[in-house]
Amino acid sequence: MTKEIVVFGGGDIAQLADFYFSQDSPYRVAAFTVDAAFRQADTLLDRPLIAFEEVARHYPPNRYRFFVALS
């Protein structure tokens, strides 16, 4: 069973996390999130890129897991 996850981050580490989640885990990255001040696009890797301040409204924590991709 695939579980959906939201990744906090929009850089190289977030993209690497997406690769590993898609290749070797039961998770599927549904979206990415960053602080609104750092959001420079609507999508990342063809998935939504949501302002962190709005992420819980779009991806409620009772349905989605969360991964912080920072280095």
Protein backbone atom coordinates (compact mmCIF):
# COMPACT_ATOMS: atom_id res chain seq x y z
CA MET A 1 0.00 0.00 0.00
CA THR A 2 1.44 3.37 -1.05
CA LYS A 3 1.39 6.16 1.51
CA GLU A 4 1.45 9.80 0.45
CA ILE A 5 4.01 12.21 1.81
CA VAL A 6 4.70 15.94 1.65
CA VAL A 7 8.35 16.95 1.49
CA PHE A 8 9.48 20.19 3.14
CA GLY A 9 12.19 21.63 0.91
CA GLY A 10 12.67 22.76 -2.62
CA GLY A 11 16.33 22.19 -3.29
CA ASP A 12 18.68 19.35 -4.16
CA ILE A 13 18.01 17.41 -0.95
CA ALA A 14 14.25 17.49 -1.57
CA GLN A 15 14.78 16.24 -5.10
CA LEU A 16 17.06 13.48 -3.85
CA ALA A 17 14.46 12.52 -1.23
CA ASP A 18 11.85 12.33 -4.00
CA PHE A 19 14.10 9.97 -5.94
CA TYR A 20 14.62 7.65 -2.98
CA PHE A 21 10.96 7.70 -1.97
CA SER A 22 9.92 6.80 -5.53
CA GLN A 23 12.54 4.06 -5.96
CA ASP A 24 12.77 2.29 -2.64
CA SER A 25 9.92 3.00 -0.23
CA PRO A 26 6.18 2.59 0.27
CA TYR A 27 5.80 6.40 -0.03
CA ARG A 28 4.76 8.58 -2.95
CA VAL A 29 5.61 12.28 -2.83
CA ALA A 30 2.32 14.12 -3.29
CA ALA A 31 3.73 17.65 -2.98
CA PHE A 32 6.59 19.82 -1.81
CA THR A 33 6.38 22.76 0.57
CA VAL A 34 8.61 25.71 1.42
CA ASP A 35 8.14 28.91 3.41
CA ALA A 36 6.10 31.39 1.35
CA ALA A 37 9.05 33.79 1.14
CA PHE A 38 11.10 31.11 -0.67
CA ARG A 39 8.40 29.83 -3.04
CA GLN A 40 9.43 30.78 -6.56
CA ALA A 41 7.28 28.41 -8.62
CA ASP A 42 3.97 26.55 -8.51
CA THR A 43 5.49 23.12 -9.05
CA LEU A 44 8.62 21.09 -8.40
CA LEU A 45 9.28 17.87 -10.30
CA ASP A 46 5.75 18.11 -11.76
CA ARG A 47 4.19 18.13 -8.29
CA PRO A 48 2.60 21.04 -6.42
CA LEU A 49 4.91 23.36 -4.52
CA ILE A 50 2.79 24.78 -1.70
CA ALA A 51 3.57 27.60 0.72
CA PHE A 52 4.22 26.02 4.13
CA GLU A 53 1.72 28.40 5.69
CA GLU A 54 -1.03 26.73 3.62
CA VAL A 55 0.16 23.12 3.47
CA ALA A 56 -2.12 21.74 6.21
CA ARG A 57 -5.19 23.10 4.41
CA HIS A 58 -4.26 21.33 1.16
CA TYR A 59 -2.58 18.24 2.65
CA PRO A 60 -4.10 17.51 6.07
CA PRO A 61 -1.82 15.74 8.54
CA ASN A 62 -4.35 12.99 9.17
CA ARG A 63 -3.95 11.89 5.52
CA TYR A 64 -0.34 12.76 4.65
CA ARG A 65 3.04 12.07 6.21
CA PHE A 66 5.68 14.79 6.31
CA PHE A 67 9.40 14.66 5.57
CA VAL A 68 11.86 17.52 6.18
CA ALA A 69 14.54 17.53 3.49
CA LEU A 70 17.16 19.95 4.77
CA SER A 71 20.92 19.78 4.99
